[in-house]
C-alpha atoms as a PDB file:
ATOM      1  CA  MET A   1       0.000   0.000   0.000  1.00  0.00           C
ATOM      2  CA  PRO A   2       1.612   3.321  -1.060  1.00  0.00           C
ATOM      3  CA  LEU A   3       2.055   5.913   1.661  1.00  0.00           C
ATOM      4  CA  TYR A   4       2.054   9.638   0.926  1.00  0.00           C
ATOM      5  CA  VAL A   5       3.635  12.178   3.263  1.00  0.00           C
ATOM      6  CA  ARG A   6       1.230  15.045   2.668  1.00  0.00           C
ATOM      7  CA  ARG A   7       2.712  17.549   5.095  1.00  0.00           C
ATOM      8  CA  VAL A   8       5.582  17.772   7.564  1.00  0.00           C
ATOM      9  CA  ALA A   9       5.018  20.345  10.297  1.00  0.00           C
ATOM     10  CA  THR A  10       7.199  21.440  13.203  1.00  0.00           C
ATOM     11  CA  PHE A  11       6.611  22.876  16.644  1.00  0.00           C
ATOM     12  CA  LEU A  12       9.829  24.601  17.676  1.00  0.00           C
ATOM     13  CA  PRO A  13      10.328  26.308  21.039  1.00  0.00           C
ATOM     14  CA  GLU A  14      10.928  30.045  20.800  1.00  0.00           C
ATOM     15  CA  ARG A  15      13.942  30.074  23.085  1.00  0.00           C
ATOM     16  CA  VAL A  16      17.193  29.815  21.121  1.00  0.00           C
ATOM     17  CA  CYS A  17      20.409  28.747  22.866  1.00  0.00           C
ATOM     18  CA  PRO A  18      23.790  29.414  21.218  1.00  0.00           C
ATOM     19  CA  VAL A  19      25.950  26.311  21.545  1.00  0.00           C
ATOM     20  CA  ALA A  20      28.917  28.426  22.622  1.00  0.00           C
ATOM     21  CA  GLY A  21      26.911  29.411  25.709  1.00  0.00           C
ATOM     22  CA  LEU A  22      25.852  25.924  26.842  1.00  0.00           C
ATOM     23  CA  PRO A  23      26.378  25.529  30.608  1.00  0.00           C
ATOM     24  CA  GLU A  24      28.417  22.342  30.232  1.00  0.00           C
ATOM     25  CA  LEU A  25      30.980  24.186  28.132  1.00  0.00           C
ATOM     26  CA  ALA A  26      31.704  26.636  30.935  1.00  0.00           C
ATOM     27  CA  ALA A  27      33.438  23.884  32.901  1.00  0.00           C
ATOM     28  CA  ALA A  28      34.930  22.132  29.843  1.00  0.00           C
ATOM     29  CA  ASP A  29      38.612  22.230  29.006  1.00  0.00           C
ATOM     30  CA  GLU A  30      39.748  23.964  25.831  1.00  0.00           C
ATOM     31  CA  ALA A  31      40.074  20.723  23.845  1.00  0.00           C
ATOM     32  CA  GLN A  32      36.506  19.637  24.585  1.00  0.00           C
ATOM     33  CA  ARG A  33      35.118  23.110  23.979  1.00  0.00           C
ATOM     34  CA  THR A  34      36.856  23.242  20.598  1.00  0.00           C
ATOM     35  CA  ALA A  35      35.533  19.779  19.708  1.00  0.00           C
ATOM     36  CA  VAL A  36      31.942  20.828  20.482  1.00  0.00           C
ATOM     37  CA  LEU A  37      32.180  24.069  18.520  1.00  0.00           C
ATOM     38  CA  ARG A  38      33.506  22.157  15.496  1.00  0.00           C
ATOM     39  CA  LEU A  39      30.483  19.862  15.282  1.00  0.00           C
ATOM     40  CA  GLY A  40      28.656  22.340  13.046  1.00  0.00           C
ATOM     41  CA  VAL A  41      25.825  23.106  15.479  1.00  0.00           C
ATOM     42  CA  GLU A  42      25.561  26.841  16.131  1.00  0.00           C
ATOM     43  CA  ARG A  43      22.318  26.962  18.102  1.00  0.00           C
ATOM     44  CA  VAL A  44      19.539  24.746  19.436  1.00  0.00           C
ATOM     45  CA  ARG A  45      16.004  25.313  20.710  1.00  0.00           C
ATOM     46  CA  ASP A  46      15.209  24.938  24.412  1.00  0.00           C
ATOM     47  CA  ALA A  47      11.743  23.601  25.297  1.00  0.00           C
ATOM     48  CA  GLY A  48      11.934  24.738  28.926  1.00  0.00           C
ATOM     49  CA  ASP A  49       9.089  23.053  30.832  1.00  0.00           C
ATOM     50  CA  LEU A  50       7.488  21.559  27.708  1.00  0.00           C
ATOM     51  CA  GLY A  51       7.763  17.786  27.525  1.00  0.00           C
ATOM     52  CA  GLU A  52       7.931  15.534  24.479  1.00  0.00           C
ATOM     53  CA  VAL A  53       4.161  15.032  24.509  1.00  0.00           C
ATOM     54  CA  SER A  54       3.486  18.770  24.263  1.00  0.00           C
ATOM     55  CA  LEU A  55       6.045  19.145  21.485  1.00  0.00           C
ATOM     56  CA  ALA A  56       4.587  16.221  19.513  1.00  0.00           C
ATOM     57  CA  ALA A  57       1.009  17.434  19.998  1.00  0.00           C
ATOM     58  CA  GLY A  58       1.942  20.965  18.932  1.00  0.00           C
ATOM     59  CA  ALA A  59       3.469  19.677  15.703  1.00  0.00           C
ATOM     60  CA  ALA A  60       0.544  17.328  15.051  1.00  0.00           C
ATOM     61  CA  SER A  61      -1.968  20.157  15.509  1.00  0.00           C
ATOM     62  CA  ALA A  62       0.075  22.298  13.119  1.00  0.00           C
ATOM     63  CA  ALA A  63       0.073  19.555  10.468  1.00  0.00           C
ATOM     64  CA  LEU A  64      -3.707  19.285  10.714  1.00  0.00           C
ATOM     65  CA  ALA A  65      -4.233  23.053  10.587  1.00  0.00           C
ATOM     66  CA  GLU A  66      -1.857  23.557   7.640  1.00  0.00           C
ATOM     67  CA  THR A  67      -3.696  20.973   5.572  1.00  0.00           C
ATOM     68  CA  GLY A  68      -7.212  21.882   6.709  1.00  0.00           C
ATOM     69  CA  THR A  69      -7.721  18.390   8.124  1.00  0.00           C
ATOM     70  CA  ASP A  70     -10.386  17.803  10.751  1.00  0.00           C
ATOM     71  CA  PRO A  71      -8.838  15.879  13.696  1.00  0.00           C
ATOM     72  CA  ALA A  72     -11.904  13.614  13.649  1.00  0.00           C
ATOM     73  CA  GLU A  73     -10.830  12.416  10.182  1.00  0.00           C
ATOM     74  CA  VAL A  74      -7.569  10.919  11.470  1.00  0.00           C
ATOM     75  CA  ASP A  75      -7.764   7.122  11.283  1.00  0.00           C
ATOM     76  CA  VAL A  76      -4.456   6.292  12.947  1.00  0.00           C
ATOM     77  CA  LEU A  77      -2.136   8.275  15.214  1.00  0.00           C
ATOM     78  CA  LEU A  78       1.360   6.980  15.891  1.00  0.00           C
ATOM     79  CA  LEU A  79       3.543   8.572  18.545  1.00  0.00           C
ATOM     80  CA  VAL A  80       7.251   8.032  18.011  1.00  0.00           C
ATOM     81  CA  GLN A  81       8.190   7.533  21.634  1.00  0.00           C
ATOM     82  CA  GLY A  82      11.024   9.334  23.371  1.00  0.00           C
ATOM     83  CA  ARG A  83      13.626   7.597  25.488  1.00  0.00           C
ATOM     84  CA  ALA A  84      12.597   9.118  28.857  1.00  0.00           C
ATOM     85  CA  PRO A  85       8.800   9.140  29.436  1.00  0.00           C
ATOM     86  CA  GLU A  86       7.476  11.672  31.913  1.00  0.00           C
ATOM     87  CA  HIS A  87       5.553   9.001  33.865  1.00  0.00           C
ATOM     88  CA  LEU A  88       5.539   5.237  34.136  1.00  0.00           C
ATOM     89  CA  LEU A  89       2.263   3.366  33.452  1.00  0.00           C
ATOM     90  CA  SER A  90       0.525   6.329  31.759  1.00  0.00           C
ATOM     91  CA  SER A  91       0.039   6.498  27.971  1.00  0.00           C
ATOM     92  CA  GLU A  92       1.811   9.327  26.195  1.00  0.00           C
ATOM     93  CA  ALA A  93       0.356   8.259  22.844  1.00  0.00           C
ATOM     94  CA  THR A  94      -3.248   8.650  23.976  1.00  0.00           C
ATOM     95  CA  ARG A  95      -2.335  11.917  25.705  1.00  0.00           C
ATOM     96  CA  VAL A  96      -1.257  13.263  22.311  1.00  0.00           C
ATOM     97  CA  GLN A  97      -4.533  11.922  20.902  1.00  0.00           C
ATOM     98  CA  ARG A  98      -6.504  13.937  23.459  1.00  0.00           C
ATOM     99  CA  LEU A  99      -4.492  17.123  22.961  1.00  0.00           C
ATOM    100  CA  VAL A 100      -4.839  16.892  19.182  1.00  0.00           C
ATOM    101  CA  GLY A 101      -8.531  15.960  19.262  1.00  0.00           C
ATOM    102  CA  ALA A 102      -8.121  12.852  17.113  1.00  0.00           C
ATOM    103  CA  SER A 103     -10.909  11.117  19.007  1.00  0.00           C
ATOM    104  CA  HIS A 104     -11.607   8.429  16.394  1.00  0.00           C
ATOM    105  CA  ALA A 105      -7.975   7.488  15.657  1.00  0.00           C
ATOM    106  CA  VAL A 106      -6.516   4.102  16.469  1.00  0.00           C
ATOM    107  CA  THR A 107      -3.555   5.225  18.592  1.00  0.00           C
ATOM    108  CA  LEU A 108      -0.317   3.548  19.579  1.00  0.00           C
ATOM    109  CA  GLY A 109       3.345   4.219  20.245  1.00  0.00           C
ATOM    110  CA  VAL A 110       6.344   3.137  18.176  1.00  0.00           C
ATOM    111  CA  GLY A 111       9.790   3.224  19.717  1.00  0.00           C
ATOM    112  CA  GLU A 112      12.852   1.375  21.020  1.00  0.00           C
ATOM    113  CA  LEU A 113      14.918   1.986  17.846  1.00  0.00           C
ATOM    114  CA  GLY A 114      16.261   5.422  18.674  1.00  0.00           C
ATOM    115  CA  CYS A 115      16.423   7.681  15.628  1.00  0.00           C
ATOM    116  CA  VAL A 116      15.185   4.867  13.394  1.00  0.00           C
ATOM    117  CA  SER A 117      11.867   4.777  15.270  1.00  0.00           C
ATOM    118  CA  SER A 118      10.429   7.396  12.897  1.00  0.00           C
ATOM    119  CA  SER A 119      11.273   5.147   9.949  1.00  0.00           C
ATOM    120  CA  ALA A 120       9.638   2.238  11.736  1.00  0.00           C
ATOM    121  CA  ALA A 121       6.520   4.363  12.358  1.00  0.00           C
ATOM    122  CA  LEU A 122       6.118   4.968   8.607  1.00  0.00           C
ATOM    123  CA  ALA A 123       6.383   1.217   8.018  1.00  0.00           C
ATOM    124  CA  VAL A 124       3.758   0.527  10.710  1.00  0.00           C
ATOM    125  CA  CYS A 125       1.431   3.157   9.261  1.00  0.00           C
ATOM    126  CA  SER A 126       1.787   1.722   5.764  1.00  0.00           C
ATOM    127  CA  GLY A 127       0.963  -1.739   7.095  1.00  0.00           C
ATOM    128  CA  LEU A 128      -2.084  -0.466   8.983  1.00  0.00           C
ATOM    129  CA  PHE A 129      -3.389   1.253   5.857  1.00  0.00           C
ATOM    130  CA  ALA A 130      -2.949  -1.989   3.899  1.00  0.00           C
ATOM    131  CA  ALA A 131      -4.809  -3.979   6.572  1.00  0.00           C
ATOM    132  CA  ASN A 132      -7.644  -1.456   6.778  1.00  0.00           C
ATOM    133  CA  PRO A 133      -8.638  -0.391   3.251  1.00  0.00           C
ATOM    134  CA  GLY A 134     -11.092   2.201   4.544  1.00  0.00           C
ATOM    135  CA  TRP A 135      -8.404   4.165   6.362  1.00  0.00           C
ATOM    136  CA  ARG A 136      -7.156   7.277   4.564  1.00  0.00           C
ATOM    137  CA  THR A 137      -5.435   9.610   7.041  1.00  0.00           C
ATOM    138  CA  GLY A 138      -2.680   9.148   9.593  1.00  0.00           C
ATOM    139  CA  LEU A 139      -0.496  11.232  11.868  1.00  0.00           C
ATOM    140  CA  VAL A 140       3.056  10.333  12.826  1.00  0.00           C
ATOM    141  CA  ALA A 141       4.107  12.640  15.657  1.00  0.00           C
ATOM    142  CA  MET A 142       7.234  12.952  17.771  1.00  0.00           C
ATOM    143  CA  GLY A 143       8.804  15.228  20.348  1.00  0.00           C
ATOM    144  CA  ALA A 144      12.543  15.529  20.903  1.00  0.00           C
ATOM    145  CA  ARG A 145      14.170  17.026  23.955  1.00  0.00           C
ATOM    146  CA  ALA A 146      17.388  16.402  25.817  1.00  0.00           C
ATOM    147  CA  ALA A 147      16.778  13.873  28.585  1.00  0.00           C
ATOM    148  CA  THR A 148      19.668  15.160  30.697  1.00  0.00           C
ATOM    149  CA  ALA A 149      20.885  18.597  31.718  1.00  0.00           C
ATOM    150  CA  ALA A 150      23.813  18.337  29.292  1.00  0.00           C
ATOM    151  CA  ARG A 151      23.037  18.776  25.587  1.00  0.00           C
ATOM    152  CA  TYR A 152      26.434  17.673  24.330  1.00  0.00           C
ATOM    153  CA  ARG A 153      26.477  13.944  23.575  1.00  0.00           C
ATOM    154  CA  PRO A 154      30.167  13.082  23.309  1.00  0.00           C
ATOM    155  CA  PRO A 155      31.715  12.653  20.912  1.00  0.00           C
ATOM    156  CA  MET A 156      29.029  13.009  18.256  1.00  0.00           C
ATOM    157  CA  THR A 157      26.499  15.836  18.509  1.00  0.00           C
ATOM    158  CA  VAL A 158      24.515  18.473  20.399  1.00  0.00           C
ATOM    159  CA  LEU A 159      20.881  17.729  21.250  1.00  0.00           C
ATOM    160  CA  GLY A 160      18.124  20.219  20.475  1.00  0.00           C
ATOM    161  CA  ASP A 161      14.436  20.322  21.386  1.00  0.00           C
ATOM    162  CA  GLY A 162      11.455  20.384  19.063  1.00  0.00           C
ATOM    163  CA  GLY A 163       8.339  18.632  17.808  1.00  0.00           C
ATOM    164  CA  LEU A 164       7.621  17.252  14.350  1.00  0.00           C
ATOM    165  CA  ALA A 165       4.625  15.565  12.797  1.00  0.00           C
ATOM    166  CA  ALA A 166       3.880  14.094   9.387  1.00  0.00           C
ATOM    167  CA  LEU A 167       0.349  13.980   8.041  1.00  0.00           C
ATOM    168  CA  VAL A 168       0.249  10.849   5.881  1.00  0.00           C
ATOM    169  CA  THR A 169      -2.423   9.470   3.594  1.00  0.00           C
ATOM    170  CA  SER A 170      -3.119   6.366   1.575  1.00  0.00           C
ATOM    171  CA  SER A 171      -4.458   8.472  -1.306  1.00  0.00           C
ATOM    172  CA  PRO A 172      -2.261   9.994  -4.018  1.00  0.00           C
ATOM    173  CA  GLY A 173      -1.537  13.681  -3.602  1.00  0.00           C
ATOM    174  CA  SER A 174       1.176  16.272  -3.306  1.00  0.00           C
ATOM    175  CA  GLY A 175       4.125  15.835  -0.978  1.00  0.00           C
ATOM    176  CA  PHE A 176       6.344  12.746  -0.927  1.00  0.00           C
ATOM    177  CA  ARG A 177       5.392   9.196  -1.877  1.00  0.00           C
ATOM    178  CA  LEU A 178       7.133   6.490   0.124  1.00  0.00           C
ATOM    179  CA  VAL A 179       8.250   4.217  -2.707  1.00  0.00           C
ATOM    180  CA  ASP A 180      10.149   1.604  -0.706  1.00  0.00           C
ATOM    181  CA  GLN A 181      11.913   1.144   2.627  1.00  0.00           C
ATOM    182  CA  ILE A 182      14.178  -1.378   4.327  1.00  0.00           C
ATOM    183  CA  LEU A 183      14.850  -1.590   8.076  1.00  0.00           C
ATOM    184  CA  THR A 184      17.263  -3.780   9.988  1.00  0.00           C
ATOM    185  CA  SER A 185      18.797  -3.946  13.459  1.00  0.00           C
ATOM    186  CA  ASN A 186      21.474  -5.710  15.534  1.00  0.00           C
ATOM    187  CA  GLY A 187      20.792  -6.477  19.181  1.00  0.00           C
ATOM    188  CA  GLU A 188      24.486  -6.707  20.054  1.00  0.00           C
ATOM    189  CA  TYR A 189      24.496  -2.956  20.658  1.00  0.00           C
ATOM    190  CA  ALA A 190      21.232  -2.742  22.628  1.00  0.00           C
ATOM    191  CA  ASP A 191      22.917  -1.412  25.798  1.00  0.00           C
ATOM    192  CA  LEU A 192      25.694   0.625  24.209  1.00  0.00           C
ATOM    193  CA  PHE A 193      24.070   3.882  25.346  1.00  0.00           C
ATOM    194  CA  ARG A 194      21.979   4.267  28.461  1.00  0.00           C
ATOM    195  CA  ILE A 195      20.797   6.594  31.214  1.00  0.00           C
ATOM    196  CA  ARG A 196      20.637   5.157  34.733  1.00  0.00           C
ATOM    197  CA  TYR A 197      17.569   6.583  36.456  1.00  0.00           C
ATOM    198  CA  ARG A 198      16.162   4.276  39.114  1.00  0.00           C
ATOM    199  CA  ASP A 199      18.677   5.195  41.811  1.00  0.00           C
ATOM    200  CA  ARG A 200      19.108   8.944  41.170  1.00  0.00           C
ATOM    201  CA  PRO A 201      17.085  12.150  40.624  1.00  0.00           C
ATOM    202  CA  ALA A 202      16.686  13.574  37.132  1.00  0.00           C
ATOM    203  CA  SER A 203      19.205  16.327  37.897  1.00  0.00           C
ATOM    204  CA  ARG A 204      21.912  13.624  38.052  1.00  0.00           C
ATOM    205  CA  TRP A 205      20.937  11.771  34.890  1.00  0.00           C
ATOM    206  CA  GLN A 206      23.793  11.267  32.465  1.00  0.00           C
ATOM    207  CA  GLU A 207      24.063   9.660  29.061  1.00  0.00           C
ATOM    208  CA  GLU A 208      26.643   6.897  29.280  1.00  0.00           C
ATOM    209  CA  CYS A 209      28.425   5.053  26.505  1.00  0.00           C
ATOM    210  CA  ALA A 210      29.354   1.599  27.751  1.00  0.00           C
ATOM    211  CA  ASP A 211      32.275   1.312  25.318  1.00  0.00           C
ATOM    212  CA  PRO A 212      33.414   4.418  23.377  1.00  0.00           C
ATOM    213  CA  HIS A 213      35.782   2.328  21.249  1.00  0.00           C
ATOM    214  CA  THR A 214      32.942   0.054  20.155  1.00  0.00           C
ATOM    215  CA  TYR A 215      30.845   3.073  19.250  1.00  0.00           C
ATOM    216  CA  SER A 216      33.560   5.019  17.419  1.00  0.00           C
ATOM    217  CA  PHE A 217      35.090   2.125  15.496  1.00  0.00           C
ATOM    218  CA  ARG A 218      33.255  -1.196  15.509  1.00  0.00           C
ATOM    219  CA  LEU A 219      29.742   0.254  15.185  1.00  0.00           C
ATOM    220  CA  ALA A 220      30.915   2.874  12.686  1.00  0.00           C
ATOM    221  CA  LEU A 221      32.342   0.166  10.430  1.00  0.00           C
ATOM    222  CA  GLU A 222      29.220  -1.961  10.733  1.00  0.00           C
ATOM    223  CA  SER A 223      27.009   1.059  10.034  1.00  0.00           C
ATOM    224  CA  ARG A 224      28.976   1.815   6.887  1.00  0.00           C
ATOM    225  CA  ARG A 225      28.482  -1.745   5.663  1.00  0.00           C
ATOM    226  CA  ARG A 226      24.825  -1.873   6.661  1.00  0.00           C
ATOM    227  CA  LEU A 227      23.859   1.396   4.982  1.00  0.00           C
ATOM    228  CA  ALA A 228      25.862   0.570   1.865  1.00  0.00           C
ATOM    229  CA  ASP A 229      24.070  -2.781   1.602  1.00  0.00           C
ATOM    230  CA  LEU A 230      20.637  -1.279   2.304  1.00  0.00           C
ATOM    231  CA  ASN A 231      21.146   1.458  -0.281  1.00  0.00           C
ATOM    232  CA  ALA A 232      22.335  -1.017  -2.903  1.00  0.00           C
ATOM    233  CA  GLU A 233      19.383  -3.365  -2.309  1.00  0.00           C
ATOM    234  CA  LEU A 234      16.858  -0.520  -2.289  1.00  0.00           C
ATOM    235  CA  LEU A 235      18.151   0.964  -5.536  1.00  0.00           C
ATOM    236  CA  ALA A 236      18.455  -2.413  -7.266  1.00  0.00           C
ATOM    237  CA  ARG A 237      14.920  -3.537  -6.532  1.00  0.00           C
ATOM    238  CA  ASN A 238      13.599  -0.179  -7.784  1.00  0.00           C
ATOM    239  CA  GLY A 239      15.715  -0.195 -10.950  1.00  0.00           C
ATOM    240  CA  LEU A 240      17.715   2.913 -10.066  1.00  0.00           C
ATOM    241  CA  ARG A 241      21.378   3.897 -10.161  1.00  0.00           C
ATOM    242  CA  ALA A 242      23.024   5.693  -7.257  1.00  0.00           C
ATOM    243  CA  ASP A 243      23.431   8.864  -9.334  1.00  0.00           C
ATOM    244  CA  GLU A 244      19.700   8.994 -10.116  1.00  0.00           C
ATOM    245  CA  VAL A 245      18.639   9.873  -6.579  1.00  0.00           C
ATOM    246  CA  ARG A 246      19.269  12.651  -4.049  1.00  0.00           C
ATOM    247  CA  TYR A 247      20.368  11.921  -0.491  1.00  0.00           C
ATOM    248  CA  VAL A 248      19.580  13.106   3.038  1.00  0.00           C
ATOM    249  CA  MET A 249      20.270  11.632   6.456  1.00  0.00           C
ATOM    250  CA  GLN A 250      20.098  12.526  10.133  1.00  0.00           C
ATOM    251  CA  ASN A 251      21.979  15.452  11.666  1.00  0.00           C
ATOM    252  CA  LEU A 252      24.897  14.628  13.955  1.00  0.00           C
ATOM    253  CA  SER A 253      27.873  16.754  12.887  1.00  0.00           C
ATOM    254  CA  THR A 254      29.577  18.137   9.800  1.00  0.00           C
ATOM    255  CA  GLY A 255      32.330  15.585  10.416  1.00  0.00           C
ATOM    256  CA  ALA A 256      29.749  12.785  10.283  1.00  0.00           C
ATOM    257  CA  PHE A 257      28.391  14.172   7.010  1.00  0.00           C
ATOM    258  CA  ALA A 258      31.908  14.151   5.538  1.00  0.00           C
ATOM    259  CA  PHE A 259      32.475  10.581   6.726  1.00  0.00           C
ATOM    260  CA  TRP A 260      29.222   9.262   5.245  1.00  0.00           C
ATOM    261  CA  GLN A 261      29.616  11.077   1.955  1.00  0.00           C
ATOM    262  CA  GLU A 262      33.063   9.551   1.481  1.00  0.00           C
ATOM    263  CA  ALA A 263      32.186   6.115   2.870  1.00  0.00           C
ATOM    264  CA  LEU A 264      29.032   5.724   0.752  1.00  0.00           C
ATOM    265  CA  ASP A 265      30.132   7.810  -2.248  1.00  0.00           C
ATOM    266  CA  VAL A 266      27.083  10.078  -2.057  1.00  0.00           C
ATOM    267  CA  GLU A 267      26.464  13.819  -1.877  1.00  0.00           C
ATOM    268  CA  LEU A 268      24.050  14.977   0.807  1.00  0.00           C
ATOM    269  CA  LEU A 269      21.672  17.815   0.062  1.00  0.00           C
ATOM    270  CA  PRO A 270      22.655  21.140   1.722  1.00  0.00           C
ATOM    271  CA  VAL A 271      19.513  21.147   3.861  1.00  0.00           C
ATOM    272  CA  CYS A 272      21.225  18.664   6.200  1.00  0.00           C
ATOM    273  CA  VAL A 273      24.002  21.134   7.064  1.00  0.00           C
ATOM    274  CA  ARG A 274      21.510  23.990   7.438  1.00  0.00           C
ATOM    275  CA  ASN A 275      19.239  22.111   9.814  1.00  0.00           C
ATOM    276  CA  LEU A 276      22.204  20.803  11.808  1.00  0.00           C
ATOM    277  CA  ARG A 277      23.443  24.357  12.252  1.00  0.00           C
ATOM    278  CA  GLU A 278      20.057  25.735  13.313  1.00  0.00           C
ATOM    279  CA  TYR A 279      18.556  22.918  15.400  1.00  0.00           C
ATOM    280  CA  GLY A 280      21.249  20.397  16.330  1.00  0.00           C
ATOM    281  CA  HIS A 281      20.264  16.742  16.560  1.00  0.00           C
ATOM    282  CA  LEU A 282      16.494  16.211  16.944  1.00  0.00           C
ATOM    283  CA  GLY A 283      16.576  12.432  17.225  1.00  0.00           C
ATOM    284  CA  SER A 284      13.885  10.675  15.186  1.00  0.00           C
ATOM    285  CA  ALA A 285      12.710  13.970  13.709  1.00  0.00           C
ATOM    286  CA  ASP A 286      15.924  14.686  11.786  1.00  0.00           C
ATOM    287  CA  VAL A 287      15.274  12.681   8.648  1.00  0.00           C
ATOM    288  CA  LEU A 288      11.719  13.924   8.092  1.00  0.00           C
ATOM    289  CA  LEU A 289      12.801  17.502   8.802  1.00  0.00           C
ATOM    290  CA  ASN A 290      15.523  17.180   6.181  1.00  0.00           C
ATOM    291  CA  LEU A 291      13.251  15.443   3.672  1.00  0.00           C
ATOM    292  CA  ALA A 292      10.681  18.240   3.882  1.00  0.00           C
ATOM    293  CA  GLY A 293      13.364  20.920   3.802  1.00  0.00           C
ATOM    294  CA  ALA A 294      14.848  19.418   0.640  1.00  0.00           C
ATOM    295  CA  ALA A 295      11.716  20.215  -1.391  1.00  0.00           C
ATOM    296  CA  PRO A 296      12.894  23.604  -2.770  1.00  0.00           C
ATOM    297  CA  ALA A 297      15.854  21.847  -4.414  1.00  0.00           C
ATOM    298  CA  LEU A 298      13.679  19.162  -6.043  1.00  0.00           C
ATOM    299  CA  ARG A 299      11.644  18.811  -9.225  1.00  0.00           C
ATOM    300  CA  ALA A 300       8.544  16.731  -9.745  1.00  0.00           C
ATOM    301  CA  GLY A 301       9.437  13.048  -9.843  1.00  0.00           C
ATOM    302  CA  ASP A 302      12.835  13.430  -8.153  1.00  0.00           C
ATOM    303  CA  ARG A 303      13.757  10.517  -5.916  1.00  0.00           C
ATOM    304  CA  VAL A 304      15.266  11.075  -2.479  1.00  0.00           C
ATOM    305  CA  LEU A 305      17.016   8.313  -0.553  1.00  0.00           C
ATOM    306  CA  VAL A 306      16.723   8.881   3.198  1.00  0.00           C
ATOM    307  CA  MET A 307      19.301   7.152   5.381  1.00  0.00           C
ATOM    308  CA  ASN A 308      18.689   6.720   9.094  1.00  0.00           C
ATOM    309  CA  SER A 309      20.742   5.003  11.781  1.00  0.00           C
ATOM    310  CA  SER A 310      20.827   4.627  15.533  1.00  0.00           C
ATOM    311  CA  PRO A 311      23.440   3.541  18.086  1.00  0.00           C
ATOM    312  CA  VAL A 312      21.065   0.915  19.539  1.00  0.00           C
ATOM    313  CA  ALA A 313      21.798  -0.278  16.652  1.00  0.00           C
ATOM    314  CA  ALA A 314      19.257  -0.001  13.846  1.00  0.00           C
ATOM    315  CA  TRP A 315      19.417   1.216  10.266  1.00  0.00           C
ATOM    316  CA  SER A 316      16.984   2.108   7.523  1.00  0.00           C
ATOM    317  CA  SER A 317      17.040   3.315   3.938  1.00  0.00           C
ATOM    318  CA  ALA A 318      13.877   4.736   2.417  1.00  0.00           C
ATOM    319  CA  LEU A 319      13.140   5.897  -1.110  1.00  0.00           C
ATOM    320  CA  PHE A 320      10.727   8.800  -1.622  1.00  0.00           C
ATOM    321  CA  GLU A 321       9.354  10.431  -4.782  1.00  0.00           C
ATOM    322  CA  TYR A 322       8.676  14.168  -4.729  1.00  0.00           C
ATOM    323  CA  LEU A 323       5.188  15.171  -5.897  1.00  0.00           C
ATOM    324  CA  PRO A 324       4.722  18.963  -5.764  1.00  0.00           C
ATOM    325  CA  ASP A 325       1.389  20.734  -5.955  1.00  0.00           C
ATOM    326  CA  ASP A 326       0.048  21.051  -9.496  1.00  0.00           C
ATOM    327  CA  ASP A 327       0.554  24.819  -9.424  1.00  0.00           C
ATOM    328  CA  ARG A 328       4.117  24.667  -8.112  1.00  0.00           C
ATOM    329  CA  LYS A 329       7.334  23.068  -9.260  1.00  0.00           C
ATOM    330  CA  GLU A 330       9.113  23.290  -5.950  1.00  0.00           C
ATOM    331  CA  GLY A 331       8.600  23.941  -2.247  1.00  0.00           C
ATOM    332  CA  SER A 332       7.941  22.060   0.945  1.00  0.00           C
ATOM    333  CA  PRO A 333       5.135  19.484   1.129  1.00  0.00           C
ATOM    334  CA  ARG A 334       1.665  20.924   1.658  1.00  0.00           C
END
């Protein structure tokens, strides 16, 4: 069942924090400070007291308003879950449902794959549309915010806050058509990153990497192989050459962009660098933010290959076709 991303909307906090002024850099030595400032992130948004649910609901409401969609028309609402829920036992997915007003939507959460969870949510939504032929409209919503006081995640990126939602349909229309997607994972890295929380208050939460060498070398090499294989399989089964598609991926650092472009012999669209500079790493939201932001550089029928990966570890490659409005040749999805 084809899936069409009709609109990608954001809900970005108004407060802007220059990376050079982050509190954790005040106590950092010169080498670490230099390393952070070289990541390519100039500023991030700070959500303050807003949690991931509020950010996701704000973006979902924006997607509905921008497309003139009645919340009651939403058939399925998927919340891409964060890594640190506000409460145990309660349902964040149905809380978003209530805030958005999607009273008739079948609602559930999709998570556990880090950044790749948004890719998994599109796959789940496509499957639900196929299983329920009468369904036409879906919302994939997510909120991203730093789970700890420190925004710098050594050695890779700076975390920003924000909400993003994609209004998706099973009916042809403008935006992006999800042509094909492949996801895979490897449980050997399930506990590579973690935050201990049961025995300490939130003010003492810290992101921990169990083995920095494994992350920086072993996982990097496996990720290069995995994404290369996924891209090759995706292109082959859709009869495309590598030079016939455009490329975007998640935002970690300018150094990561350089590594992936060389390792995979691809050229990433400039929107990736722009969004990295302005927002930092927004977790699962990165790839959809970059896909939507790529629209001004695209023509009708252009194919975009979206690469997504996570240190848990999971990987995905997705192929999209750009379908602008009939009265426009370029621009973001409407």
